[in-house]
N, C-alpha and C. Protein backbone atom coordinates (compact mmCIF):
# COMPACT_ATOMS: atom_id res chain seq x y z
N MET A 1 0.84 -1.24 -0.01
CA MET A 1 0.01 -0.02 -0.04
C MET A 1 0.87 1.21 -0.04
N ALA A 2 0.72 2.06 -0.96
CA ALA A 2 1.41 3.35 -1.01
C ALA A 2 0.73 4.36 -0.41
N LEU A 3 1.39 5.07 0.44
CA LEU A 3 0.73 6.20 1.19
C LEU A 3 0.68 7.37 0.26
N LYS A 4 -0.41 8.03 0.14
CA LYS A 4 -0.59 9.10 -0.82
C LYS A 4 -0.39 10.49 -0.19
N LYS A 5 -0.93 10.82 0.86
CA LYS A 5 -0.94 12.14 1.31
C LYS A 5 -0.96 12.23 2.81
N ARG A 6 -0.07 12.98 3.34
CA ARG A 6 0.01 13.16 4.79
C ARG A 6 -0.81 14.39 5.18
N ILE A 7 -1.75 14.29 6.11
CA ILE A 7 -2.66 15.36 6.50
C ILE A 7 -1.87 16.07 7.57
N SER A 8 -1.51 17.37 7.31
CA SER A 8 -0.90 18.12 8.30
C SER A 8 -1.84 19.16 8.87
N ASP A 9 -2.13 19.05 10.12
CA ASP A 9 -3.13 19.92 10.76
C ASP A 9 -2.83 19.92 12.28
N ASN A 10 -3.26 20.94 12.92
CA ASN A 10 -2.95 21.15 14.32
C ASN A 10 -4.06 20.45 15.23
N HIS A 11 -4.85 19.70 14.67
CA HIS A 11 -5.85 18.93 15.51
C HIS A 11 -6.16 17.61 14.75
N VAL A 12 -6.91 16.74 15.54
CA VAL A 12 -7.16 15.38 15.08
C VAL A 12 -8.19 15.48 13.99
N VAL A 13 -7.81 15.05 12.73
CA VAL A 13 -8.67 15.01 11.62
C VAL A 13 -9.26 13.64 11.34
N ILE A 14 -8.42 12.55 11.46
CA ILE A 14 -8.83 11.21 11.29
C ILE A 14 -9.19 10.53 12.57
N GLY A 15 -10.34 9.93 12.66
CA GLY A 15 -10.74 9.20 13.85
C GLY A 15 -11.24 10.08 15.01
N PRO A 16 -11.52 9.44 16.08
CA PRO A 16 -12.09 10.14 17.28
C PRO A 16 -10.97 10.91 17.98
N PRO A 17 -11.37 11.96 18.67
CA PRO A 17 -10.39 12.87 19.45
C PRO A 17 -9.77 12.25 20.65
N HIS A 18 -10.00 10.92 20.87
CA HIS A 18 -9.36 10.16 21.96
C HIS A 18 -8.72 8.88 21.48
N LEU A 19 -7.90 8.25 22.42
CA LEU A 19 -7.28 7.02 21.96
C LEU A 19 -8.37 5.95 21.97
N THR A 20 -8.34 5.10 20.93
CA THR A 20 -9.27 3.97 20.89
C THR A 20 -8.75 2.99 21.87
N ARG A 21 -9.58 1.99 22.10
CA ARG A 21 -9.10 1.00 23.12
C ARG A 21 -8.00 0.12 22.56
N TYR A 22 -7.97 0.02 21.16
CA TYR A 22 -6.94 -0.70 20.60
C TYR A 22 -5.56 -0.05 20.57
N GLU A 23 -5.68 1.32 20.29
CA GLU A 23 -4.48 2.11 20.33
C GLU A 23 -3.87 2.18 21.75
N TYR A 24 -4.77 2.38 22.73
CA TYR A 24 -4.40 2.32 24.14
C TYR A 24 -3.64 1.01 24.53
N GLU A 25 -4.19 -0.11 24.21
CA GLU A 25 -3.62 -1.33 24.61
C GLU A 25 -2.33 -1.62 23.87
N THR A 26 -2.23 -1.11 22.66
CA THR A 26 -1.04 -1.28 21.93
C THR A 26 0.09 -0.46 22.58
N LEU A 27 -0.24 0.77 22.88
CA LEU A 27 0.74 1.61 23.58
C LEU A 27 1.18 1.12 24.97
N VAL A 28 0.21 0.61 25.62
CA VAL A 28 0.58 0.01 26.93
C VAL A 28 1.53 -1.13 26.74
N ALA A 29 1.25 -2.04 25.81
CA ALA A 29 2.14 -3.18 25.46
C ALA A 29 3.49 -2.73 25.07
N ILE A 30 3.57 -1.82 24.14
CA ILE A 30 4.92 -1.36 23.61
C ILE A 30 5.74 -0.79 24.75
N ARG A 31 5.09 0.13 25.55
CA ARG A 31 5.83 0.79 26.62
C ARG A 31 6.25 -0.12 27.72
N ALA A 32 5.35 -1.04 28.09
CA ALA A 32 5.63 -2.00 29.12
C ALA A 32 6.83 -2.98 28.75
N ILE A 33 6.89 -3.25 27.46
CA ILE A 33 8.12 -3.98 27.03
C ILE A 33 9.32 -3.22 27.12
N GLN A 34 9.25 -1.92 26.75
CA GLN A 34 10.43 -1.03 26.83
C GLN A 34 10.94 -0.93 28.32
N ILE A 35 9.99 -0.72 29.22
CA ILE A 35 10.30 -0.67 30.67
C ILE A 35 10.89 -1.98 31.20
N ALA A 36 10.31 -3.07 30.75
CA ALA A 36 10.75 -4.42 31.18
C ALA A 36 12.21 -4.59 30.72
N TYR A 37 12.54 -4.09 29.63
CA TYR A 37 13.93 -4.24 29.04
C TYR A 37 14.89 -3.16 29.62
N GLY A 38 14.47 -2.30 30.56
CA GLY A 38 15.42 -1.44 31.12
C GLY A 38 15.25 0.02 30.79
N ALA A 39 14.25 0.44 30.02
CA ALA A 39 14.11 1.78 29.70
C ALA A 39 13.64 2.56 30.94
N PRO A 40 14.07 3.77 31.14
CA PRO A 40 13.75 4.54 32.35
C PRO A 40 12.25 4.95 32.20
N ALA A 41 11.64 5.05 33.40
CA ALA A 41 10.20 5.50 33.51
C ALA A 41 10.21 6.99 33.45
N PHE A 42 9.15 7.60 32.78
CA PHE A 42 8.91 9.00 32.74
C PHE A 42 8.16 9.54 33.94
N LEU A 43 8.03 8.80 35.02
CA LEU A 43 7.30 9.31 36.16
C LEU A 43 8.22 9.64 37.26
N SER A 44 7.77 10.54 38.11
CA SER A 44 8.52 11.05 39.34
C SER A 44 8.46 9.87 40.33
N LYS A 45 9.30 10.07 41.39
CA LYS A 45 9.37 9.11 42.42
C LYS A 45 8.06 9.06 43.28
N ASP A 46 7.51 10.29 43.34
CA ASP A 46 6.16 10.28 44.06
C ASP A 46 5.09 9.51 43.34
N GLU A 47 5.07 9.69 41.93
CA GLU A 47 4.09 8.97 41.15
C GLU A 47 4.45 7.45 41.15
N LEU A 48 5.61 7.07 41.26
CA LEU A 48 5.95 5.66 41.34
C LEU A 48 5.58 4.99 42.66
N LYS A 49 5.53 5.84 43.71
CA LYS A 49 5.00 5.25 45.00
C LYS A 49 3.66 5.01 45.07
N MET A 50 2.78 5.64 44.18
CA MET A 50 1.42 5.42 44.17
C MET A 50 1.02 4.08 43.55
N ILE A 51 1.87 3.49 42.66
CA ILE A 51 1.63 2.17 42.11
C ILE A 51 2.67 1.22 42.48
N ASP A 52 2.54 -0.02 41.94
CA ASP A 52 3.59 -0.99 42.20
C ASP A 52 4.67 -0.81 41.19
N SER A 53 5.76 -0.20 41.60
CA SER A 53 6.82 0.15 40.74
C SER A 53 7.63 -0.97 40.17
N SER A 54 7.35 -2.19 40.47
CA SER A 54 7.95 -3.34 39.90
C SER A 54 7.16 -3.88 38.80
N ASN A 55 5.92 -3.32 38.58
CA ASN A 55 5.02 -3.85 37.43
C ASN A 55 5.10 -2.89 36.31
N PRO A 56 5.78 -3.37 35.15
CA PRO A 56 5.93 -2.47 33.92
C PRO A 56 4.56 -2.02 33.32
N ILE A 57 3.53 -3.00 33.51
CA ILE A 57 2.24 -2.61 32.87
C ILE A 57 1.62 -1.48 33.63
N GLN A 58 1.66 -1.54 34.98
CA GLN A 58 1.07 -0.36 35.78
C GLN A 58 1.81 0.87 35.44
N ILE A 59 3.14 0.80 35.40
CA ILE A 59 3.94 2.06 35.03
C ILE A 59 3.53 2.63 33.73
N ALA A 60 3.46 1.75 32.61
CA ALA A 60 3.02 2.16 31.37
C ALA A 60 1.67 2.80 31.30
N LYS A 61 0.74 2.18 31.97
CA LYS A 61 -0.67 2.74 32.05
C LYS A 61 -0.59 4.09 32.69
N MET A 62 0.12 4.32 33.78
CA MET A 62 0.13 5.64 34.40
C MET A 62 0.77 6.69 33.50
N GLU A 63 1.88 6.23 32.84
CA GLU A 63 2.62 7.12 31.91
C GLU A 63 1.70 7.64 30.85
N ILE A 64 0.97 6.72 30.22
CA ILE A 64 0.06 7.06 29.20
C ILE A 64 -1.08 7.95 29.61
N SER A 65 -1.66 7.56 30.77
CA SER A 65 -2.78 8.40 31.30
C SER A 65 -2.32 9.87 31.67
N LYS A 66 -1.13 10.01 32.08
CA LYS A 66 -0.51 11.23 32.38
C LYS A 66 0.05 12.02 31.17
N LYS A 67 0.05 11.26 30.01
CA LYS A 67 0.58 11.82 28.74
C LYS A 67 2.04 12.16 28.78
N LYS A 68 2.83 11.32 29.56
CA LYS A 68 4.26 11.71 29.69
C LYS A 68 5.13 10.91 28.77
N VAL A 69 4.52 10.18 27.81
CA VAL A 69 5.30 9.34 26.85
C VAL A 69 5.22 10.15 25.48
N PRO A 70 6.43 10.34 24.89
CA PRO A 70 6.44 11.12 23.67
C PRO A 70 6.24 10.05 22.48
N LEU A 71 5.00 9.60 22.40
CA LEU A 71 4.60 8.69 21.24
C LEU A 71 3.77 9.35 20.34
N THR A 72 3.62 8.83 19.14
CA THR A 72 2.81 9.37 18.02
C THR A 72 1.94 8.15 17.50
N ILE A 73 0.65 8.50 17.24
CA ILE A 73 -0.27 7.54 16.60
C ILE A 73 -0.39 7.84 15.14
N CYS A 74 -0.32 6.82 14.35
CA CYS A 74 -0.45 7.02 12.86
C CYS A 74 -1.85 6.44 12.56
N ARG A 75 -2.81 7.27 12.01
CA ARG A 75 -4.16 6.79 11.65
C ARG A 75 -4.19 6.91 10.14
N TYR A 76 -4.79 5.86 9.51
CA TYR A 76 -4.95 5.86 8.03
C TYR A 76 -6.43 5.98 7.56
N LEU A 77 -6.63 6.48 6.33
CA LEU A 77 -7.94 6.43 5.71
C LEU A 77 -7.84 5.39 4.59
N PRO A 78 -8.95 4.87 4.13
CA PRO A 78 -8.96 3.92 2.91
C PRO A 78 -8.33 4.55 1.65
N THR A 79 -8.35 5.93 1.59
CA THR A 79 -7.94 6.62 0.43
C THR A 79 -6.45 6.63 0.40
N GLY A 80 -5.72 6.27 1.36
CA GLY A 80 -4.32 6.40 1.47
C GLY A 80 -3.79 7.50 2.22
N GLU A 81 -4.69 8.37 2.64
CA GLU A 81 -4.22 9.57 3.42
C GLU A 81 -3.99 9.10 4.83
N TYR A 82 -3.16 9.76 5.54
CA TYR A 82 -2.75 9.37 6.92
C TYR A 82 -2.40 10.64 7.77
N GLN A 83 -2.50 10.49 9.02
CA GLN A 83 -2.07 11.65 9.96
C GLN A 83 -1.40 11.09 11.02
N LEU A 84 -0.28 11.75 11.42
CA LEU A 84 0.52 11.50 12.64
C LEU A 84 0.01 12.29 13.75
N ILE A 85 -0.49 11.62 14.82
CA ILE A 85 -1.05 12.39 15.85
C ILE A 85 -0.36 12.25 17.11
N PRO A 86 0.33 13.22 17.74
CA PRO A 86 1.00 12.99 19.03
C PRO A 86 0.04 12.67 20.14
N LEU A 87 0.47 11.94 21.09
CA LEU A 87 -0.27 11.49 22.19
C LEU A 87 -0.93 12.69 23.02
N ALA A 88 -0.16 13.80 23.05
CA ALA A 88 -0.58 14.94 23.77
C ALA A 88 -1.93 15.49 23.19
N TRP A 89 -2.10 15.27 21.90
CA TRP A 89 -3.39 15.88 21.32
C TRP A 89 -4.70 15.01 21.67
N LEU A 90 -4.41 13.87 22.01
CA LEU A 90 -5.60 12.87 22.25
C LEU A 90 -5.96 12.79 23.69
N GLU A 91 -7.26 12.57 23.93
CA GLU A 91 -7.80 12.36 25.23
C GLU A 91 -7.62 10.97 25.60
N VAL A 92 -7.20 10.66 26.78
CA VAL A 92 -6.99 9.27 27.24
C VAL A 92 -8.17 8.99 28.16
N LEU A 93 -9.02 8.04 27.69
CA LEU A 93 -10.24 7.70 28.44
C LEU A 93 -9.85 6.67 29.49
N ASP A 94 -10.58 6.54 30.58
CA ASP A 94 -10.32 5.57 31.68
C ASP A 94 -10.74 4.20 31.10
N GLU A 95 -10.02 3.18 31.61
CA GLU A 95 -10.24 1.80 31.13
C GLU A 95 -11.66 1.37 31.34
């Protein structure tokens, strides 16, 4: 599939203005694997005390809910258009 056109805009054009449950779970899995392999957490010591700091999944969920992870979502349309959406632009809904 050849990508045709990148949509450059300052707001979400493709899809809902929040993370879908599939995007959320994918981000949690990716970030938890990174943490499990030794990547540093983007949370402060006080935030880590609020959760089990030995559980990478809980750390990843808190990082994403607080939007502290510099990740980007790529959403596609059937026409070949796509948009790169930073996590900071999206609302993170509760599980």
